[in-house]
Protein backbone atom coordinates (compact mmCIF):
# COMPACT_ATOMS: atom_id res chain seq x y z
CA UNK A 1 8.95 41.94 25.20
CA UNK A 2 9.73 39.02 27.49
CA UNK A 3 10.67 35.76 25.78
CA UNK A 4 10.04 32.51 27.59
CA UNK A 5 9.18 34.24 30.87
CA UNK A 6 6.38 32.19 32.42
CA UNK A 7 6.47 34.36 35.51
CA UNK A 8 5.85 37.54 33.52
CA UNK A 9 2.98 35.88 31.66
CA UNK A 10 1.44 34.63 34.93
CA UNK A 11 1.70 38.12 36.40
CA UNK A 12 -0.11 39.66 33.43
CA UNK A 13 -2.89 37.05 33.55
CA UNK A 14 -3.32 37.28 37.33
CA UNK A 15 -3.89 41.04 37.07
CA UNK A 16 -6.33 40.83 34.15
CA UNK A 17 -9.82 42.21 34.60
CA UNK A 18 -11.13 40.74 31.35
CA UNK A 19 -8.91 37.99 29.96
CA UNK A 20 -9.83 36.42 26.62
CA UNK A 21 -8.10 33.79 24.49
CA UNK A 22 -7.59 33.39 20.74
CA UNK A 23 -6.71 29.91 19.52
CA UNK A 24 -5.58 28.58 16.16
CA UNK A 25 -4.55 25.37 14.47
CA UNK A 26 -1.52 24.84 16.70
CA UNK A 27 -3.55 23.89 19.76
CA UNK A 28 -5.51 21.34 17.71
CA UNK A 29 -2.39 19.93 16.07
CA UNK A 30 -1.27 18.81 19.51
CA UNK A 31 -4.42 16.65 19.55
CA UNK A 32 -3.40 15.19 16.16
CA UNK A 33 -5.97 17.20 14.20
CA UNK A 34 -4.62 17.71 10.65
CA UNK A 35 -3.78 21.33 9.80
CA UNK A 36 -4.33 23.08 6.48
CA UNK A 37 -1.08 24.99 6.18
CA UNK A 38 2.54 24.00 6.66
CA UNK A 39 4.58 21.12 5.32
CA UNK A 40 1.93 18.48 6.02
CA UNK A 41 -1.07 20.75 5.55
CA UNK A 42 -4.22 19.40 3.91
CA UNK A 43 -4.20 22.10 1.23
CA UNK A 44 -0.94 20.64 -0.09
CA UNK A 45 -2.84 17.41 -0.81
CA UNK A 46 -6.30 18.63 -1.81
CA UNK A 47 -7.66 21.38 -4.04
CA UNK A 48 -9.61 23.93 -2.02
CA UNK A 49 -11.72 24.87 -5.05
CA UNK A 50 -13.02 21.30 -5.26
CA UNK A 51 -13.88 20.94 -1.59
CA UNK A 52 -14.45 24.16 0.33
CA UNK A 53 -16.34 26.67 -1.79
CA UNK A 54 -20.05 27.26 -2.44
CA UNK A 55 -19.53 26.46 -6.12
CA UNK A 56 -17.84 23.16 -5.25
CA UNK A 57 -20.87 22.15 -3.18
CA UNK A 58 -23.29 23.19 -5.91
CA UNK A 59 -21.29 21.20 -8.46
CA UNK A 60 -20.68 18.04 -6.46
CA UNK A 61 -22.24 17.92 -2.97
CA UNK A 62 -21.46 14.20 -2.67
CA UNK A 63 -17.71 14.82 -3.04
CA UNK A 64 -17.78 17.71 -0.58
CA UNK A 65 -19.65 15.67 2.01
CA UNK A 66 -17.25 12.74 1.55
CA UNK A 67 -14.40 15.12 2.37
CA UNK A 68 -16.14 16.51 5.45
CA UNK A 69 -17.24 13.08 6.65
CA UNK A 70 -13.64 11.89 6.37
CA UNK A 71 -12.46 14.85 8.45
CA UNK A 72 -15.23 14.31 11.01
CA UNK A 73 -14.14 10.70 11.36
CA UNK A 74 -10.52 11.78 11.95
CA UNK A 75 -11.51 14.39 14.54
CA UNK A 76 -13.88 12.03 16.33
CA UNK A 77 -10.82 9.95 17.19
CA UNK A 78 -8.95 12.98 18.60
CA UNK A 79 -9.23 14.20 22.19
CA UNK A 80 -8.79 17.62 23.81
CA UNK A 81 -5.28 18.06 25.19
CA UNK A 82 -4.01 19.72 28.40
CA UNK A 83 -4.10 23.16 26.76
CA UNK A 84 -7.82 22.80 26.04
CA UNK A 85 -8.42 21.61 29.59
CA UNK A 86 -6.45 24.48 31.12
CA UNK A 87 -8.58 27.01 29.24
CA UNK A 88 -11.71 25.24 30.54
CA UNK A 89 -10.33 25.43 34.07
CA UNK A 90 -9.70 29.16 33.74
CA UNK A 91 -13.18 29.76 32.38
CA UNK A 92 -14.82 27.87 35.24
CA UNK A 93 -12.76 29.84 37.75
CA UNK A 94 -13.88 33.09 36.15
CA UNK A 95 -10.38 34.01 35.04
CA UNK A 96 -11.01 33.53 31.31
CA UNK A 97 -14.06 35.45 30.16
CA UNK A 98 -14.36 34.14 26.62
CA UNK A 99 -12.54 32.16 23.95
CA UNK A 100 -12.28 33.04 20.25
CA UNK A 101 -11.23 30.16 18.02
CA UNK A 102 -10.27 29.88 14.38
CA UNK A 103 -10.66 26.11 14.62
CA UNK A 104 -13.69 24.19 13.35
CA UNK A 105 -12.99 20.87 15.09
CA UNK A 106 -15.13 21.56 18.16
CA UNK A 107 -12.47 20.36 20.63
CA UNK A 108 -12.89 23.38 22.88
CA UNK A 109 -16.56 22.55 23.38
CA UNK A 110 -15.77 18.86 23.86
CA UNK A 111 -13.26 19.82 26.55
CA UNK A 112 -15.97 21.81 28.35
CA UNK A 113 -15.53 25.43 27.26
CA UNK A 114 -18.90 27.12 27.01
CA UNK A 115 -18.28 30.76 26.02
CA UNK A 116 -16.70 29.98 22.65
CA UNK A 117 -16.89 32.12 19.51
CA UNK A 118 -15.99 29.98 16.48
CA UNK A 119 -15.23 32.50 13.74
CA UNK A 120 -14.93 29.86 11.00
CA UNK A 121 -17.86 27.71 12.13
CA UNK A 122 -17.94 24.16 13.44
CA UNK A 123 -17.30 20.94 11.53
CA UNK A 124 -20.19 19.22 13.27
CA UNK A 125 -22.72 21.99 12.61
CA UNK A 126 -24.99 21.96 9.57
CA UNK A 127 -27.34 24.42 7.91
CA UNK A 128 -30.00 24.07 5.26
CA UNK A 129 -29.31 25.28 1.74
CA UNK A 130 -32.98 26.30 1.38
CA UNK A 131 -34.56 27.25 4.72
CA UNK A 132 -33.25 28.61 8.03
CA UNK A 133 -32.75 25.24 9.74
CA UNK A 134 -29.58 24.85 11.81
CA UNK A 135 -28.48 21.56 13.31
CA UNK A 136 -25.58 19.51 14.59
CA UNK A 137 -24.34 16.04 13.70
CA UNK A 138 -23.51 13.58 16.44
CA UNK A 139 -21.47 11.32 14.16
CA UNK A 140 -19.73 11.58 10.77
CA UNK A 141 -22.14 12.33 7.92
CA UNK A 142 -23.47 9.48 5.81
CA UNK A 143 -24.15 10.51 2.22
CA UNK A 144 -25.72 13.95 1.79
CA UNK A 145 -27.70 14.89 4.92
CA UNK A 146 -31.19 16.26 4.33
CA UNK A 147 -32.98 19.03 6.17
CA UNK A 148 -35.59 17.64 8.61
CA UNK A 149 -37.71 20.75 8.05
CA UNK A 150 -37.90 21.03 4.27
CA UNK A 151 -35.99 18.08 2.80
CA UNK A 152 -33.37 20.20 1.04
CA UNK A 153 -29.64 19.43 1.21
CA UNK A 154 -27.77 20.29 4.37
CA UNK A 155 -24.25 21.71 4.10
CA UNK A 156 -21.48 22.02 6.69
CA UNK A 157 -21.95 25.20 8.73
CA UNK A 158 -18.40 26.39 8.20
CA UNK A 159 -17.09 29.44 6.41
CA UNK A 160 -15.95 28.46 2.95
CA UNK A 161 -13.56 30.37 0.72
CA UNK A 162 -15.42 33.22 -0.91
CA UNK A 163 -17.90 33.54 1.98
CA UNK A 164 -18.14 36.21 4.65
CA UNK A 165 -17.76 35.48 8.33
CA UNK A 166 -21.01 35.25 10.28
CA UNK A 167 -22.04 38.78 11.24
CA UNK A 168 -23.58 37.81 14.58
CA UNK A 169 -20.46 35.91 15.63
CA UNK A 170 -18.21 38.78 14.59
CA UNK A 171 -20.27 41.27 16.59
CA UNK A 172 -19.74 39.10 19.67
CA UNK A 173 -16.03 38.78 18.91
CA UNK A 174 -15.44 42.51 18.57
CA UNK A 175 -17.48 43.18 21.70
CA UNK A 176 -15.10 40.86 23.58
CA UNK A 177 -12.04 42.47 22.02
CA UNK A 178 -13.27 45.87 23.19
CA UNK A 179 -13.75 44.60 26.74
CA UNK A 180 -10.45 42.72 26.99
CA UNK A 181 -7.45 44.10 28.81
CA UNK A 182 -5.41 40.91 28.24
CA UNK A 183 -5.48 38.39 25.39
CA UNK A 184 -3.58 35.12 25.31
CA UNK A 185 -2.96 33.93 21.75
CA UNK A 186 -2.42 30.18 21.52
CA UNK A 187 -1.24 28.25 18.47
CA UNK A 188 -2.25 30.71 15.76
CA UNK A 189 0.00 31.55 12.82
CA UNK A 190 -1.23 35.17 12.83
CA UNK A 191 -1.48 34.93 9.04
CA UNK A 192 -5.22 34.47 8.48
CA UNK A 193 -7.30 37.63 8.59
CA UNK A 194 -9.29 39.05 10.20
CA UNK A 195 -8.30 36.85 13.17
CA UNK A 196 -4.66 37.90 12.81
CA UNK A 197 -5.69 41.44 13.69
CA UNK A 198 -7.77 40.55 16.76
CA UNK A 199 -4.88 40.79 19.26
CA UNK A 200 -3.92 44.19 17.84
CA UNK A 201 -7.39 45.52 18.67
CA UNK A 202 -6.63 44.74 22.32
CA UNK A 203 -3.12 46.18 22.00
CA UNK A 204 -4.42 49.45 20.54
CA UNK A 205 -6.53 49.85 23.68
CA UNK A 206 -3.38 49.51 25.83
CA UNK A 207 -4.14 45.87 26.56
CA UNK A 208 -1.51 43.20 27.17
CA UNK A 209 -0.66 40.31 24.84
CA UNK A 210 0.71 36.88 25.72
CA UNK A 211 1.60 34.54 22.86
CA UNK A 212 2.07 30.77 23.11
CA UNK A 213 3.46 29.16 19.96
CA UNK A 214 6.10 26.68 18.85
CA UNK A 215 7.64 29.45 16.74
CA UNK A 216 7.60 33.21 16.34
CA UNK A 217 4.84 34.74 14.21
CA UNK A 218 4.12 38.12 12.61
CA UNK A 219 2.40 38.98 15.91
CA UNK A 220 5.46 38.27 18.08
CA UNK A 221 7.05 41.75 17.84
CA UNK A 222 3.85 43.25 19.29
CA UNK A 223 3.38 40.93 22.27
CA UNK A 224 4.36 41.51 25.90
CA UNK A 225 5.40 37.91 26.49
CA UNK A 226 6.22 35.21 23.95
CA UNK A 227 6.25 31.65 25.27
CA UNK A 228 7.87 29.29 22.79
CA UNK A 229 6.78 25.69 22.95
CA UNK A 230 3.77 23.40 22.95
CA UNK A 231 0.59 24.80 24.40
CA UNK A 232 -0.21 21.48 26.06
CA UNK A 233 2.98 21.82 28.10
CA UNK A 234 3.12 25.57 28.66
CA UNK A 235 -0.47 26.34 29.67
CA UNK A 236 -0.48 23.86 32.59
CA UNK A 237 2.88 25.31 33.73
CA UNK A 238 1.43 28.80 33.46
CA UNK A 239 -1.61 27.70 35.43
CA UNK A 240 0.60 26.33 38.19
CA UNK A 241 2.30 29.72 38.58
CA UNK A 242 -0.91 31.67 38.98
CA UNK A 243 -1.77 32.67 42.53
CA UNK A 244 -3.82 30.05 44.29
CA UNK A 245 -6.51 32.60 45.11
CA UNK A 246 -6.93 33.33 41.40
CA UNK A 247 -6.66 29.94 39.72
CA UNK A 248 -5.95 26.70 41.54
């Protein structure tokens, strides 16, 4: 494993046939999005069972929506950072084939990424609790949103505790993992499953792993290159090292 070797990471990426990315809370934290874990994590301040479970919504949808509206308001004031923009640049150049994100804030899409697989959903997406309606909010929710199709309550289209990940999204994710020969893992703790195992699927197929994180993670011993530091600083530096005929 190479530690801190931007040149080695650039070499791996420049030779990739099917590069994908996996992002976690770290990339969003650099845009001042509150995280859930860690010393200042939201779950140290709020009870998950009161706010992010199907039973919590059934019991008190007003409280749940107040919590999500508050988070939407916070995120609406945040902006994508240079790491988000670098990933967009790579996608538009054809270097990055797809992006898998554990984040629900929607910053990748706001930055301009289009081939994004959000395994935990999106904070701005909604779904009906009664029919099949799916929608998206353009601003923080006011009260309890109602379905325009049937009038039933809408809920955030995110994966709550006790729920399974969306099967269609996961099929797309595993299809990408099977195609990938290189995966760059940015700002993920490698603690939350199944996302923590995604890079190992690529590794088991003799793929290469590049990790960008402010600290080492359980994944670090398995990677080819570990770049320690902020993604918003390291990804632009990495981009600058790539051959001009690959990414400029």
